[in-house]
Protein backbone atom coordinates (compact mmCIF):
# COMPACT_ATOMS: atom_id res chain seq x y z
CA UNK A 1 -54.68 -144.19 -38.89
CA UNK A 2 -57.95 -143.80 -36.95
CA UNK A 3 -61.13 -144.99 -38.62
CA UNK A 4 -63.62 -142.29 -39.58
CA UNK A 5 -66.90 -142.72 -37.69
CA UNK A 6 -69.89 -143.78 -39.79
CA UNK A 7 -72.27 -141.49 -37.91
CA UNK A 8 -71.71 -137.88 -36.89
CA UNK A 9 -72.66 -138.50 -33.26
CA UNK A 10 -72.52 -141.34 -30.73
CA UNK A 11 -74.30 -141.83 -27.41
CA UNK A 12 -72.67 -142.97 -24.17
CA UNK A 13 -74.98 -144.49 -21.59
CA UNK A 14 -74.62 -145.14 -17.89
CA UNK A 15 -76.42 -148.28 -16.75
CA UNK A 16 -77.58 -148.35 -13.14
CA UNK A 17 -80.10 -145.64 -12.37
CA UNK A 18 -80.22 -144.52 -16.00
CA UNK A 19 -81.23 -147.53 -18.08
CA UNK A 20 -81.88 -150.00 -15.28
CA UNK A 21 -83.50 -149.58 -11.87
CA UNK A 22 -81.21 -151.93 -9.97
CA UNK A 23 -81.36 -150.54 -6.43
CA UNK A 24 -83.27 -153.52 -5.04
CA UNK A 25 -80.89 -155.99 -6.66
CA UNK A 26 -77.76 -154.41 -5.20
CA UNK A 27 -79.30 -153.86 -1.78
CA UNK A 28 -80.42 -157.51 -1.57
CA UNK A 29 -76.87 -158.59 -2.42
CA UNK A 30 -75.48 -156.28 0.25
CA UNK A 31 -77.88 -157.61 2.89
CA UNK A 32 -77.07 -161.22 2.01
CA UNK A 33 -73.33 -160.60 2.15
CA UNK A 34 -73.61 -158.89 5.54
CA UNK A 35 -75.61 -161.88 6.79
CA UNK A 36 -73.26 -164.49 5.29
CA UNK A 37 -70.15 -162.95 6.86
CA UNK A 38 -71.67 -161.45 10.02
CA UNK A 39 -70.32 -158.03 9.07
CA UNK A 40 -70.71 -155.49 11.90
CA UNK A 41 -72.98 -153.01 10.10
CA UNK A 42 -76.29 -152.75 8.31
CA UNK A 43 -77.71 -150.38 5.70
CA UNK A 44 -81.45 -149.93 5.29
CA UNK A 45 -82.97 -149.79 1.83
CA UNK A 46 -83.73 -146.07 2.17
CA UNK A 47 -80.22 -145.34 3.43
CA UNK A 48 -78.72 -147.32 0.57
CA UNK A 49 -80.93 -145.57 -1.95
CA UNK A 50 -80.15 -142.05 -0.74
CA UNK A 51 -76.54 -142.37 0.42
CA UNK A 52 -74.83 -145.35 -1.17
CA UNK A 53 -76.40 -146.20 -4.54
CA UNK A 54 -73.73 -145.59 -7.15
CA UNK A 55 -70.95 -146.11 -4.59
CA UNK A 56 -68.73 -149.11 -5.21
CA UNK A 57 -69.02 -151.97 -2.74
CA UNK A 58 -65.35 -151.57 -1.86
CA UNK A 59 -66.00 -147.92 -0.95
CA UNK A 60 -68.94 -148.96 1.24
CA UNK A 61 -66.70 -151.41 3.10
CA UNK A 62 -64.00 -148.80 3.53
CA UNK A 63 -66.55 -146.35 4.96
CA UNK A 64 -68.32 -148.77 7.29
CA UNK A 65 -65.50 -151.03 8.46
CA UNK A 66 -62.22 -149.25 7.63
CA UNK A 67 -58.96 -151.12 8.25
CA UNK A 68 -60.85 -154.28 9.22
CA UNK A 69 -60.25 -156.47 6.16
CA UNK A 70 -57.11 -157.14 4.17
CA UNK A 71 -57.05 -156.27 0.47
CA UNK A 72 -57.36 -159.98 -0.34
CA UNK A 73 -60.41 -160.33 1.90
CA UNK A 74 -62.01 -157.23 0.37
CA UNK A 75 -61.42 -158.60 -3.14
CA UNK A 76 -63.13 -161.87 -2.19
CA UNK A 77 -66.08 -160.00 -0.67
CA UNK A 78 -66.41 -157.82 -3.78
CA UNK A 79 -66.40 -160.94 -5.98
CA UNK A 80 -69.12 -162.54 -3.86
CA UNK A 81 -71.12 -159.31 -3.86
CA UNK A 82 -71.19 -159.24 -7.66
CA UNK A 83 -72.03 -162.96 -7.84
CA UNK A 84 -75.03 -162.32 -5.58
CA UNK A 85 -76.01 -159.20 -7.53
CA UNK A 86 -75.95 -161.15 -10.80
CA UNK A 87 -78.11 -163.85 -9.22
CA UNK A 88 -80.70 -161.31 -8.04
CA UNK A 89 -80.68 -159.56 -11.44
CA UNK A 90 -81.34 -162.86 -13.19
CA UNK A 91 -84.16 -163.56 -10.73
CA UNK A 92 -85.93 -160.38 -11.82
CA UNK A 93 -84.98 -157.86 -9.12
CA UNK A 94 -84.22 -155.20 -11.75
CA UNK A 95 -86.46 -153.25 -14.10
CA UNK A 96 -86.20 -150.88 -17.03
CA UNK A 97 -86.32 -147.15 -16.32
CA UNK A 98 -89.57 -145.89 -17.94
CA UNK A 99 -89.07 -144.44 -21.43
CA UNK A 100 -85.58 -145.78 -22.02
CA UNK A 101 -86.80 -148.49 -24.42
CA UNK A 102 -88.30 -145.78 -26.65
CA UNK A 103 -85.03 -143.85 -26.76
CA UNK A 104 -82.89 -146.94 -27.43
CA UNK A 105 -85.15 -148.09 -30.25
CA UNK A 106 -85.27 -144.63 -31.84
CA UNK A 107 -81.49 -144.24 -31.76
CA UNK A 108 -81.01 -147.79 -33.04
CA UNK A 109 -83.35 -147.19 -35.98
CA UNK A 110 -81.23 -144.17 -36.91
CA UNK A 111 -78.04 -146.28 -36.64
CA UNK A 112 -76.58 -144.08 -33.91
CA UNK A 113 -73.71 -146.00 -32.27
CA UNK A 114 -74.10 -146.48 -28.52
CA UNK A 115 -71.85 -147.69 -25.74
CA UNK A 116 -72.44 -148.50 -22.09
CA UNK A 117 -70.03 -146.76 -19.70
CA UNK A 118 -70.57 -148.21 -16.22
CA UNK A 119 -68.50 -148.51 -13.08
CA UNK A 120 -69.84 -152.04 -12.46
CA UNK A 121 -67.78 -155.06 -13.43
CA UNK A 122 -68.26 -156.54 -16.89
CA UNK A 123 -70.14 -159.66 -15.80
CA UNK A 124 -72.68 -157.59 -13.89
CA UNK A 125 -73.24 -155.19 -16.78
CA UNK A 126 -73.80 -158.01 -19.27
CA UNK A 127 -76.11 -159.87 -16.85
CA UNK A 128 -78.33 -156.82 -16.42
CA UNK A 129 -78.53 -156.13 -20.15
CA UNK A 130 -79.27 -159.78 -20.93
CA UNK A 131 -81.95 -159.98 -18.25
CA UNK A 132 -83.79 -157.08 -19.89
CA UNK A 133 -82.97 -158.11 -23.50
CA UNK A 134 -81.02 -154.91 -24.20
CA UNK A 135 -77.59 -156.25 -25.15
CA UNK A 136 -78.17 -155.93 -28.89
CA UNK A 137 -78.48 -152.14 -28.73
CA UNK A 138 -74.85 -151.52 -27.78
CA UNK A 139 -71.75 -151.65 -29.96
CA UNK A 140 -69.44 -151.64 -26.95
CA UNK A 141 -69.60 -152.07 -23.20
CA UNK A 142 -67.18 -150.15 -21.04
CA UNK A 143 -66.44 -151.27 -17.48
CA UNK A 144 -64.73 -148.78 -15.25
CA UNK A 145 -63.75 -151.33 -12.64
CA UNK A 146 -60.08 -150.78 -13.48
CA UNK A 147 -60.30 -147.08 -14.38
CA UNK A 148 -60.25 -143.96 -12.17
CA UNK A 149 -63.68 -143.24 -10.67
CA UNK A 150 -65.80 -140.37 -11.91
CA UNK A 151 -65.73 -137.44 -12.04
CA UNK A 152 -62.45 -138.39 -13.76
CA UNK A 153 -63.24 -138.40 -17.51
CA UNK A 154 -61.34 -141.62 -18.32
CA UNK A 155 -64.36 -143.86 -18.80
CA UNK A 156 -66.03 -141.45 -21.20
CA UNK A 157 -62.85 -140.99 -23.21
CA UNK A 158 -62.42 -144.75 -23.52
CA UNK A 159 -66.09 -145.18 -24.43
CA UNK A 160 -65.93 -142.48 -27.09
CA UNK A 161 -62.74 -143.93 -28.54
CA UNK A 162 -64.31 -147.41 -28.66
CA UNK A 163 -66.91 -145.99 -31.07
CA UNK A 164 -64.24 -144.17 -33.14
CA UNK A 165 -65.47 -140.82 -31.84
CA UNK A 166 -63.91 -137.99 -29.91
CA UNK A 167 -65.63 -136.63 -26.81
CA UNK A 168 -66.90 -133.65 -28.80
CA UNK A 169 -69.20 -135.81 -30.92
CA UNK A 170 -70.60 -137.92 -28.10
CA UNK A 171 -73.79 -137.26 -26.15
CA UNK A 172 -74.04 -138.57 -22.63
CA UNK A 173 -77.41 -140.12 -21.91
CA UNK A 174 -78.46 -137.28 -19.59
CA UNK A 175 -80.02 -135.26 -22.40
CA UNK A 176 -82.11 -138.14 -23.75
CA UNK A 177 -83.23 -139.60 -20.42
CA UNK A 178 -84.39 -136.19 -19.22
CA UNK A 179 -86.56 -135.91 -22.30
CA UNK A 180 -88.32 -139.21 -21.70
CA UNK A 181 -88.10 -140.18 -18.04
CA UNK A 182 -86.67 -137.30 -15.99
CA UNK A 183 -83.73 -139.50 -14.95
CA UNK A 184 -80.14 -138.40 -15.38
CA UNK A 185 -76.82 -139.87 -14.41
CA UNK A 186 -73.86 -141.17 -16.33
CA UNK A 187 -70.93 -144.00 -15.95
CA UNK A 188 -66.95 -146.68 -17.39
CA UNK A 189 -62.78 -149.82 -20.38
CA UNK A 190 -63.78 -151.51 -23.36
CA UNK A 191 -63.69 -155.29 -23.23
CA UNK A 192 -66.74 -156.37 -25.14
CA UNK A 193 -67.78 -155.65 -28.69
CA UNK A 194 -71.21 -156.55 -30.05
CA UNK A 195 -69.66 -157.80 -33.29
CA UNK A 196 -67.54 -160.30 -31.38
CA UNK A 197 -70.45 -161.95 -29.58
């Protein structure tokens, strides 16, 4: 029997571009990886920002150098990319989107359950939240690395379920972030629970 939620609503948050400005961090990792492996392409910061931010690294590789690497090679490159991204996040190449701290604190004070739903891998999500001292706000973290990409609803359904809510009682962060910072996006498998940390 499903547990009854303690609060009538829950909030599902994307991470990159919604809570955290992480464009510089991911672009630095991309540049370093291209340099390390002499990959035959480059992406400027502006190009990355306007065309590729929010795209998975594997999708970038498939667009820029299709049929060049084996699946095993791509998996190794993706792993290195996230290792570099985590390093740059920990070195301070990320920042909080203005106004988000106010929203998180307000919702927390009202005991509204919140979950992260992001397409990044779990280690990257946790590293970003730890770097900005935000981990304690979230009951669950959802990584969509093994779920269908948006606009498929899977990540949101899993995130809602992880908070014992149905999709009808969950607010995506778009509404709140518009109110405070004019930013809106949203992101995606539950593997981490605040109470288990």
